[in-house]
Amino acid sequence: MTDYINELYVHELESGRLTFESDPDYRDTLAKLNEQYEAVWQTGDHNLCEELYSSCFDLVHFSSRSAFFHGMRLGMALICWGGTGLSGL
């Protein structure tokens, strides 16, 4: 089931139906991250800068996927609780 949910998550991302860029808080946070990245870059430690950037985007990916999984499980539980099954969708 987890593999199926992960595939669905990737499909939603690729289809453009799940976009974080439309959220102003996401855009503001990304802008702040870019400023911090530039500050680290200016220190001259480019390896550290690349590691920081990579880790941040890994964190975003995994936290987004976890939130998606939680929403999917909650939705399925509500469908089952409501007794409508998938026909209620």
PDB file of N, CA and C in Angstrom:
ATOM      1  N   MET A   1       0.824  -1.194   0.000  1.00  0.00           N
ATOM      2  CA  MET A   1       0.000   0.000   0.000  1.00  0.00           C
ATOM      3  C   MET A   1       0.872   1.263   0.000  1.00  0.00           C
ATOM      4  N   THR A   2       1.941   1.229   0.787  1.00  0.00           N
ATOM      5  CA  THR A   2       2.828   2.393   0.852  1.00  0.00           C
ATOM      6  C   THR A   2       3.445   2.682  -0.517  1.00  0.00           C
ATOM      7  N   ASP A   3       3.823   1.635  -1.242  1.00  0.00           N
ATOM      8  CA  ASP A   3       4.382   1.836  -2.585  1.00  0.00           C
ATOM      9  C   ASP A   3       3.351   2.483  -3.506  1.00  0.00           C
ATOM     10  N   TYR A   4       2.103   2.037  -3.417  1.00  0.00           N
ATOM     11  CA  TYR A   4       1.044   2.607  -4.250  1.00  0.00           C
ATOM     12  C   TYR A   4       0.831   4.082  -3.912  1.00  0.00           C
ATOM     13  N   ILE A   5       0.815   4.419  -2.625  1.00  0.00           N
ATOM     14  CA  ILE A   5       0.626   5.818  -2.213  1.00  0.00           C
ATOM     15  C   ILE A   5       1.802   6.663  -2.689  1.00  0.00           C
ATOM     16  N   ASN A   6       3.016   6.117  -2.607  1.00  0.00           N
ATOM     17  CA  ASN A   6       4.182   6.846  -3.089  1.00  0.00           C
ATOM     18  C   ASN A   6       4.079   7.099  -4.600  1.00  0.00           C
ATOM     19  N   GLU A   7       3.634   6.087  -5.362  1.00  0.00           N
ATOM     20  CA  GLU A   7       3.446   6.261  -6.802  1.00  0.00           C
ATOM     21  C   GLU A   7       2.382   7.322  -7.086  1.00  0.00           C
ATOM     22  N   LEU A   8       1.306   7.312  -6.313  1.00  0.00           N
ATOM     23  CA  LEU A   8       0.245   8.309  -6.471  1.00  0.00           C
ATOM     24  C   LEU A   8       0.770   9.705  -6.166  1.00  0.00           C
ATOM     25  N   TYR A   9       1.588   9.832  -5.131  1.00  0.00           N
ATOM     26  CA  TYR A   9       2.193  11.112  -4.772  1.00  0.00           C
ATOM     27  C   TYR A   9       3.049  11.641  -5.923  1.00  0.00           C
ATOM     28  N   VAL A  10       3.901  10.784  -6.471  1.00  0.00           N
ATOM     29  CA  VAL A  10       4.762  11.193  -7.577  1.00  0.00           C
ATOM     30  C   VAL A  10       3.909  11.582  -8.784  1.00  0.00           C
ATOM     31  N   HIS A  11       2.849  10.807  -9.044  1.00  0.00           N
ATOM     32  CA  HIS A  11       1.951  11.130 -10.161  1.00  0.00           C
ATOM     33  C   HIS A  11       1.299  12.504  -9.968  1.00  0.00           C
ATOM     34  N   GLU A  12       0.849  12.799  -8.763  1.00  0.00           N
ATOM     35  CA  GLU A  12       0.230  14.099  -8.479  1.00  0.00           C
ATOM     36  C   GLU A  12       1.229  15.230  -8.673  1.00  0.00           C
ATOM     37  N   LEU A  13       2.472  15.022  -8.246  1.00  0.00           N
ATOM     38  CA  LEU A  13       3.515  16.034  -8.458  1.00  0.00           C
ATOM     39  C   LEU A  13       3.774  16.242  -9.947  1.00  0.00           C
ATOM     40  N   GLU A  14       3.940  15.149 -10.666  1.00  0.00           N
ATOM     41  CA  GLU A  14       4.270  15.242 -12.087  1.00  0.00           C
ATOM     42  C   GLU A  14       3.125  15.799 -12.919  1.00  0.00           C
ATOM     43  N   SER A  15       1.899  15.553 -12.498  1.00  0.00           N
ATOM     44  CA  SER A  15       0.742  16.037 -13.259  1.00  0.00           C
ATOM     45  C   SER A  15       0.473  17.518 -12.999  1.00  0.00           C
ATOM     46  N   GLY A  16       1.128  18.075 -11.982  1.00  0.00           N
ATOM     47  CA  GLY A  16       0.954  19.491 -11.675  1.00  0.00           C
ATOM     48  C   GLY A  16      -0.234  19.787 -10.778  1.00  0.00           C
ATOM     49  N   ARG A  17      -0.893  18.756 -10.264  1.00  0.00           N
ATOM     50  CA  ARG A  17      -2.042  18.989  -9.384  1.00  0.00           C
ATOM     51  C   ARG A  17      -1.634  19.257  -7.941  1.00  0.00           C
ATOM     52  N   LEU A  18      -0.395  18.940  -7.604  1.00  0.00           N
ATOM     53  CA  LEU A  18       0.101  19.146  -6.250  1.00  0.00           C
ATOM     54  C   LEU A  18       1.292  20.094  -6.353  1.00  0.00           C
ATOM     55  N   THR A  19       1.033  21.378  -6.162  1.00  0.00           N
ATOM     56  CA  THR A  19       2.092  22.371  -6.300  1.00  0.00           C
ATOM     57  C   THR A  19       2.229  23.151  -4.999  1.00  0.00           C
ATOM     58  N   PHE A  20       3.429  23.203  -4.517  1.00  0.00           N
ATOM     59  CA  PHE A  20       3.700  23.943  -3.296  1.00  0.00           C
ATOM     60  C   PHE A  20       3.987  25.410  -3.604  1.00  0.00           C
ATOM     61  N   GLU A  21       4.408  25.683  -4.839  1.00  0.00           N
ATOM     62  CA  GLU A  21       4.767  27.041  -5.223  1.00  0.00           C
ATOM     63  C   GLU A  21       3.579  27.998  -5.187  1.00  0.00           C
ATOM     64  N   SER A  22       2.369  27.476  -5.194  1.00  0.00           N
ATOM     65  CA  SER A  22       1.192  28.348  -5.144  1.00  0.00           C
ATOM     66  C   SER A  22       0.935  28.872  -3.725  1.00  0.00           C
ATOM     67  N   ASP A  23       1.625  28.323  -2.742  1.00  0.00           N
ATOM     68  CA  ASP A  23       1.477  28.744  -1.349  1.00  0.00           C
ATOM     69  C   ASP A  23       2.459  29.883  -1.064  1.00  0.00           C
ATOM     70  N   PRO A  24       1.954  31.080  -0.693  1.00  0.00           N
ATOM     71  CA  PRO A  24       2.868  32.209  -0.447  1.00  0.00           C
ATOM     72  C   PRO A  24       3.874  31.937   0.669  1.00  0.00           C
ATOM     73  N   ASP A  25       3.495  31.187   1.698  1.00  0.00           N
ATOM     74  CA  ASP A  25       4.429  30.866   2.776  1.00  0.00           C
ATOM     75  C   ASP A  25       5.570  29.992   2.260  1.00  0.00           C
ATOM     76  N   TYR A  26       5.248  29.068   1.375  1.00  0.00           N
ATOM     77  CA  TYR A  26       6.287  28.225   0.768  1.00  0.00           C
ATOM     78  C   TYR A  26       7.260  29.097  -0.018  1.00  0.00           C
ATOM     79  N   ARG A  27       6.726  29.998  -0.827  1.00  0.00           N
ATOM     80  CA  ARG A  27       7.581  30.874  -1.639  1.00  0.00           C
ATOM     81  C   ARG A  27       8.455  31.757  -0.760  1.00  0.00           C
ATOM     82  N   ASP A  28       7.896  32.305   0.330  1.00  0.00           N
ATOM     83  CA  ASP A  28       8.680  33.137   1.238  1.00  0.00           C
ATOM     84  C   ASP A  28       9.808  32.338   1.897  1.00  0.00           C
ATOM     85  N   THR A  29       9.483  31.133   2.334  1.00  0.00           N
ATOM     86  CA  THR A  29      10.483  30.286   2.976  1.00  0.00           C
ATOM     87  C   THR A  29      11.576  29.894   1.993  1.00  0.00           C
ATOM     88  N   LEU A  30      11.195  29.597   0.762  1.00  0.00           N
ATOM     89  CA  LEU A  30      12.178  29.260  -0.255  1.00  0.00           C
ATOM     90  C   LEU A  30      13.097  30.450  -0.540  1.00  0.00           C
ATOM     91  N   ALA A  31      12.536  31.651  -0.564  1.00  0.00           N
ATOM     92  CA  ALA A  31      13.351  32.853  -0.774  1.00  0.00           C
ATOM     93  C   ALA A  31      14.350  33.035   0.367  1.00  0.00           C
ATOM     94  N   LYS A  32      13.912  32.787   1.606  1.00  0.00           N
ATOM     95  CA  LYS A  32      14.820  32.887   2.753  1.00  0.00           C
ATOM     96  C   LYS A  32      15.937  31.845   2.667  1.00  0.00           C
ATOM     97  N   LEU A  33      15.571  30.626   2.246  1.00  0.00           N
ATOM     98  CA  LEU A  33      16.569  29.574   2.082  1.00  0.00           C
ATOM     99  C   LEU A  33      17.594  29.990   1.036  1.00  0.00           C
ATOM    100  N   ASN A  34      17.129  30.565  -0.051  1.00  0.00           N
ATOM    101  CA  ASN A  34      18.053  31.020  -1.095  1.00  0.00           C
ATOM    102  C   ASN A  34      19.000  32.102  -0.573  1.00  0.00           C
ATOM    103  N   GLU A  35      18.491  33.009   0.265  1.00  0.00           N
ATOM    104  CA  GLU A  35      19.351  34.039   0.865  1.00  0.00           C
ATOM    105  C   GLU A  35      20.411  33.408   1.763  1.00  0.00           C
ATOM    106  N   GLN A  36      20.001  32.419   2.561  1.00  0.00           N
ATOM    107  CA  GLN A  36      20.945  31.743   3.440  1.00  0.00           C
ATOM    108  C   GLN A  36      21.980  30.969   2.636  1.00  0.00           C
ATOM    109  N   TYR A  37      21.518  30.345   1.567  1.00  0.00           N
ATOM    110  CA  TYR A  37      22.423  29.610   0.676  1.00  0.00           C
ATOM    111  C   TYR A  37      23.484  30.550   0.103  1.00  0.00           C
ATOM    112  N   GLU A  38      23.036  31.707  -0.346  1.00  0.00           N
ATOM    113  CA  GLU A  38      23.970  32.688  -0.902  1.00  0.00           C
ATOM    114  C   GLU A  38      24.974  33.157   0.149  1.00  0.00           C
ATOM    115  N   ALA A  39      24.516  33.331   1.397  1.00  0.00           N
ATOM    116  CA  ALA A  39      25.423  33.757   2.472  1.00  0.00           C
ATOM    117  C   ALA A  39      26.493  32.706   2.727  1.00  0.00           C
ATOM    118  N   VAL A  40      26.091  31.430   2.723  1.00  0.00           N
ATOM    119  CA  VAL A  40      27.072  30.353   2.915  1.00  0.00           C
ATOM    120  C   VAL A  40      28.007  30.298   1.712  1.00  0.00           C
ATOM    121  N   TRP A  41      27.461  30.490   0.516  1.00  0.00           N
ATOM    122  CA  TRP A  41      28.276  30.468  -0.714  1.00  0.00           C
ATOM    123  C   TRP A  41      29.357  31.541  -0.671  1.00  0.00           C
ATOM    124  N   GLN A  42      28.977  32.701  -0.144  1.00  0.00           N
ATOM    125  CA  GLN A  42      29.924  33.821  -0.078  1.00  0.00           C
ATOM    126  C   GLN A  42      31.095  33.531   0.853  1.00  0.00           C
ATOM    127  N   THR A  43      30.938  32.622   1.810  1.00  0.00           N
ATOM    128  CA  THR A  43      32.039  32.277   2.711  1.00  0.00           C
ATOM    129  C   THR A  43      33.126  31.493   1.992  1.00  0.00           C
ATOM    130  N   GLY A  44      32.773  30.933   0.843  1.00  0.00           N
ATOM    131  CA  GLY A  44      33.759  30.204   0.053  1.00  0.00           C
ATOM    132  C   GLY A  44      33.746  28.701   0.247  1.00  0.00           C
ATOM    133  N   ASP A  45      32.940  28.184   1.161  1.00  0.00           N
ATOM    134  CA  ASP A  45      32.872  26.737   1.375  1.00  0.00           C
ATOM    135  C   ASP A  45      31.761  26.157   0.506  1.00  0.00           C
ATOM    136  N   HIS A  46      32.074  25.948  -0.759  1.00  0.00           N
ATOM    137  CA  HIS A  46      31.066  25.538  -1.730  1.00  0.00           C
ATOM    138  C   HIS A  46      30.568  24.110  -1.505  1.00  0.00           C
ATOM    139  N   ASN A  47      31.419  23.234  -0.973  1.00  0.00           N
ATOM    140  CA  ASN A  47      30.971  21.873  -0.671  1.00  0.00           C
ATOM    141  C   ASN A  47      29.907  21.881   0.417  1.00  0.00           C
ATOM    142  N   LEU A  48      30.141  22.668   1.453  1.00  0.00           N
ATOM    143  CA  LEU A  48      29.162  22.792   2.523  1.00  0.00           C
ATOM    144  C   LEU A  48      27.857  23.372   1.985  1.00  0.00           C
ATOM    145  N   CYS A  49      27.972  24.318   1.103  1.00  0.00           N
ATOM    146  CA  CYS A  49      26.811  24.961   0.505  1.00  0.00           C
ATOM    147  C   CYS A  49      25.976  23.939  -0.270  1.00  0.00           C
ATOM    148  N   GLU A  50      26.613  23.129  -1.072  1.00  0.00           N
ATOM    149  CA  GLU A  50      25.901  22.113  -1.857  1.00  0.00           C
ATOM    150  C   GLU A  50      25.252  21.073  -0.955  1.00  0.00           C
ATOM    151  N   GLU A  51      25.944  20.671   0.108  1.00  0.00           N
ATOM    152  CA  GLU A  51      25.379  19.710   1.054  1.00  0.00           C
ATOM    153  C   GLU A  51      24.156  20.296   1.749  1.00  0.00           C
ATOM    154  N   LEU A  52      24.241  21.563   2.135  1.00  0.00           N
ATOM    155  CA  LEU A  52      23.116  22.240   2.779  1.00  0.00           C
ATOM    156  C   LEU A  52      21.909  22.270   1.854  1.00  0.00           C
ATOM    157  N   TYR A  53      22.123  22.670   0.633  1.00  0.00           N
ATOM    158  CA  TYR A  53      21.042  22.774  -0.343  1.00  0.00           C
ATOM    159  C   TYR A  53      20.410  21.417  -0.593  1.00  0.00           C
ATOM    160  N   SER A  54      21.221  20.396  -0.781  1.00  0.00           N
ATOM    161  CA  SER A  54      20.737  19.043  -1.033  1.00  0.00           C
ATOM    162  C   SER A  54      19.930  18.522   0.150  1.00  0.00           C
ATOM    163  N   SER A  55      20.437  18.733   1.356  1.00  0.00           N
ATOM    164  CA  SER A  55      19.733  18.276   2.557  1.00  0.00           C
ATOM    165  C   SER A  55      18.389  18.973   2.727  1.00  0.00           C
ATOM    166  N   CYS A  56      18.349  20.256   2.446  1.00  0.00           N
ATOM    167  CA  CYS A  56      17.091  21.004   2.570  1.00  0.00           C
ATOM    168  C   CYS A  56      16.035  20.466   1.615  1.00  0.00           C
ATOM    169  N   PHE A  57      16.422  20.209   0.384  1.00  0.00           N
ATOM    170  CA  PHE A  57      15.434  19.717  -0.575  1.00  0.00           C
ATOM    171  C   PHE A  57      15.050  18.270  -0.315  1.00  0.00           C
ATOM    172  N   ASP A  58      15.958  17.479   0.226  1.00  0.00           N
ATOM    173  CA  ASP A  58      15.574  16.134   0.656  1.00  0.00           C
ATOM    174  C   ASP A  58      14.548  16.221   1.765  1.00  0.00           C
ATOM    175  N   LEU A  59      14.779  17.110   2.712  1.00  0.00           N
ATOM    176  CA  LEU A  59      13.849  17.295   3.823  1.00  0.00           C
ATOM    177  C   LEU A  59      12.475  17.725   3.315  1.00  0.00           C
ATOM    178  N   VAL A  60      12.442  18.644   2.376  1.00  0.00           N
ATOM    179  CA  VAL A  60      11.168  19.096   1.808  1.00  0.00           C
ATOM    180  C   VAL A  60      10.455  17.936   1.123  1.00  0.00           C
ATOM    181  N   HIS A  61      11.180  17.154   0.357  1.00  0.00           N
ATOM    182  CA  HIS A  61      10.565  16.034  -0.351  1.00  0.00           C
ATOM    183  C   HIS A  61       9.952  15.037   0.628  1.00  0.00           C
ATOM    184  N   PHE A  62      10.724  14.642   1.624  1.00  0.00           N
ATOM    185  CA  PHE A  62      10.239  13.627   2.546  1.00  0.00           C
ATOM    186  C   PHE A  62       9.121  14.139   3.444  1.00  0.00           C
ATOM    187  N   SER A  63       9.188  15.395   3.859  1.00  0.00           N
ATOM    188  CA  SER A  63       8.102  15.933   4.691  1.00  0.00           C
ATOM    189  C   SER A  63       6.825  16.101   3.868  1.00  0.00           C
ATOM    190  N   SER A  64       6.960  16.497   2.624  1.00  0.00           N
ATOM    191  CA  SER A  64       5.795  16.622   1.750  1.00  0.00           C
ATOM    192  C   SER A  64       5.154  15.265   1.509  1.00  0.00           C
ATOM    193  N   ARG A  65       5.978  14.279   1.272  1.00  0.00           N
ATOM    194  CA  ARG A  65       5.455  12.928   1.047  1.00  0.00           C
ATOM    195  C   ARG A  65       4.756  12.403   2.299  1.00  0.00           C
ATOM    196  N   SER A  66       5.323  12.673   3.457  1.00  0.00           N
ATOM    197  CA  SER A  66       4.688  12.235   4.703  1.00  0.00           C
ATOM    198  C   SER A  66       3.334  12.906   4.907  1.00  0.00           C
ATOM    199  N   ALA A  67       3.262  14.198   4.615  1.00  0.00           N
ATOM    200  CA  ALA A  67       1.987  14.907   4.738  1.00  0.00           C
ATOM    201  C   ALA A  67       0.966  14.345   3.760  1.00  0.00           C
ATOM    202  N   PHE A  68       1.405  14.025   2.562  1.00  0.00           N
ATOM    203  CA  PHE A  68       0.514  13.437   1.566  1.00  0.00           C
ATOM    204  C   PHE A  68       0.004  12.081   2.041  1.00  0.00           C
ATOM    205  N   PHE A  69       0.907  11.242   2.561  1.00  0.00           N
ATOM    206  CA  PHE A  69       0.512   9.934   3.085  1.00  0.00           C
ATOM    207  C   PHE A  69      -0.533  10.092   4.182  1.00  0.00           C
ATOM    208  N   HIS A  70      -0.287  11.027   5.088  1.00  0.00           N
ATOM    209  CA  HIS A  70      -1.218  11.240   6.191  1.00  0.00           C
ATOM    210  C   HIS A  70      -2.591  11.659   5.660  1.00  0.00           C
ATOM    211  N   GLY A  71      -2.603  12.583   4.716  1.00  0.00           N
ATOM    212  CA  GLY A  71      -3.869  13.020   4.130  1.00  0.00           C
ATOM    213  C   GLY A  71      -4.598  11.894   3.428  1.00  0.00           C
ATOM    214  N   MET A  72      -3.848  11.047   2.730  1.00  0.00           N
ATOM    215  CA  MET A  72      -4.449   9.907   2.038  1.00  0.00           C
ATOM    216  C   MET A  72      -5.047   8.924   3.034  1.00  0.00           C
ATOM    217  N   ARG A  73      -4.318   8.623   4.093  1.00  0.00           N
ATOM    218  CA  ARG A  73      -4.837   7.700   5.113  1.00  0.00           C
ATOM    219  C   ARG A  73      -6.063   8.280   5.795  1.00  0.00           C
ATOM    220  N   LEU A  74      -6.017   9.580   6.093  1.00  0.00           N
ATOM    221  CA  LEU A  74      -7.158  10.229   6.727  1.00  0.00           C
ATOM    222  C   LEU A  74      -8.376  10.183   5.805  1.00  0.00           C
ATOM    223  N   GLY A  75      -8.172  10.479   4.533  1.00  0.00           N
ATOM    224  CA  GLY A  75      -9.266  10.427   3.572  1.00  0.00           C
ATOM    225  C   GLY A  75      -9.866   9.047   3.454  1.00  0.00           C
ATOM    226  N   MET A  76      -9.017   8.040   3.397  1.00  0.00           N
ATOM    227  CA  MET A  76      -9.516   6.655   3.313  1.00  0.00           C
ATOM    228  C   MET A  76     -10.268   6.268   4.579  1.00  0.00           C
ATOM    229  N   ALA A  77      -9.768   6.703   5.724  1.00  0.00           N
ATOM    230  CA  ALA A  77     -10.451   6.395   6.986  1.00  0.00           C
ATOM    231  C   ALA A  77     -11.820   7.068   7.037  1.00  0.00           C
ATOM    232  N   LEU A  78     -11.902   8.300   6.563  1.00  0.00           N
ATOM    233  CA  LEU A  78     -13.187   9.001   6.553  1.00  0.00           C
ATOM    234  C   LEU A  78     -14.175   8.338   5.603  1.00  0.00           C
ATOM    235  N   ILE A  79     -13.688   7.870   4.466  1.00  0.00           N
ATOM    236  CA  ILE A  79     -14.564   7.162   3.527  1.00  0.00           C
ATOM    237  C   ILE A  79     -15.102   5.901   4.173  1.00  0.00           C
ATOM    238  N   CYS A  80     -14.223   5.126   4.807  1.00  0.00           N
ATOM    239  CA  CYS A  80     -14.648   3.896   5.478  1.00  0.00           C
ATOM    240  C   CYS A  80     -15.602   4.202   6.637  1.00  0.00           C
ATOM    241  N   TRP A  81     -15.285   5.238   7.410  1.00  0.00           N
ATOM    242  CA  TRP A  81     -16.118   5.617   8.540  1.00  0.00           C
ATOM    243  C   TRP A  81     -17.495   6.050   8.079  1.00  0.00           C
ATOM    244  N   GLY A  82     -17.550   6.754   6.950  1.00  0.00           N
ATOM    245  CA  GLY A  82     -18.834   7.211   6.429  1.00  0.00           C
ATOM    246  C   GLY A  82     -19.677   6.122   5.819  1.00  0.00           C
ATOM    247  N   GLY A  83     -19.051   4.960   5.589  1.00  0.00           N
ATOM    248  CA  GLY A  83     -19.795   3.834   5.065  1.00  0.00           C
ATOM    249  C   GLY A  83     -20.122   3.929   3.579  1.00  0.00           C
ATOM    250  N   THR A  84     -19.571   4.913   2.892  1.00  0.00           N
ATOM    251  CA  THR A  84     -19.907   5.062   1.484  1.00  0.00           C
ATOM    252  C   THR A  84     -18.959   4.298   0.586  1.00  0.00           C
ATOM    253  N   GLY A  85     -17.838   3.857   1.137  1.00  0.00           N
ATOM    254  CA  GLY A  85     -16.839   3.192   0.298  1.00  0.00           C
ATOM    255  C   GLY A  85     -16.323   4.180  -0.741  1.00  0.00           C
ATOM    256  N   LEU A  86     -15.737   3.692  -1.761  1.00  0.00           N
ATOM    257  CA  LEU A  86     -15.197   4.561  -2.800  1.00  0.00           C
ATOM    258  C   LEU A  86     -16.288   5.112  -3.713  1.00  0.00           C
ATOM    259  N   SER A  87     -17.494   4.554  -3.656  1.00  0.00           N
ATOM    260  CA  SER A  87     -18.579   5.063  -4.496  1.00  0.00           C
ATOM    261  C   SER A  87     -18.998   6.473  -4.081  1.00  0.00           C
ATOM    262  N   GLY A  88     -18.635   6.875  -2.856  1.00  0.00           N
ATOM    263  CA  GLY A  88     -18.962   8.206  -2.377  1.00  0.00           C
ATOM    264  C   GLY A  88     -18.097   9.294  -2.997  1.00  0.00           C
ATOM    265  N   LEU A  89     -17.043   8.894  -3.695  1.00  0.00           N
ATOM    266  CA  LEU A  89     -16.173   9.882  -4.331  1.00  0.00           C
ATOM    267  C   LEU A  89     -16.789  10.311  -5.621  1.00  0.00           C
TER     268      LEU A  89
END
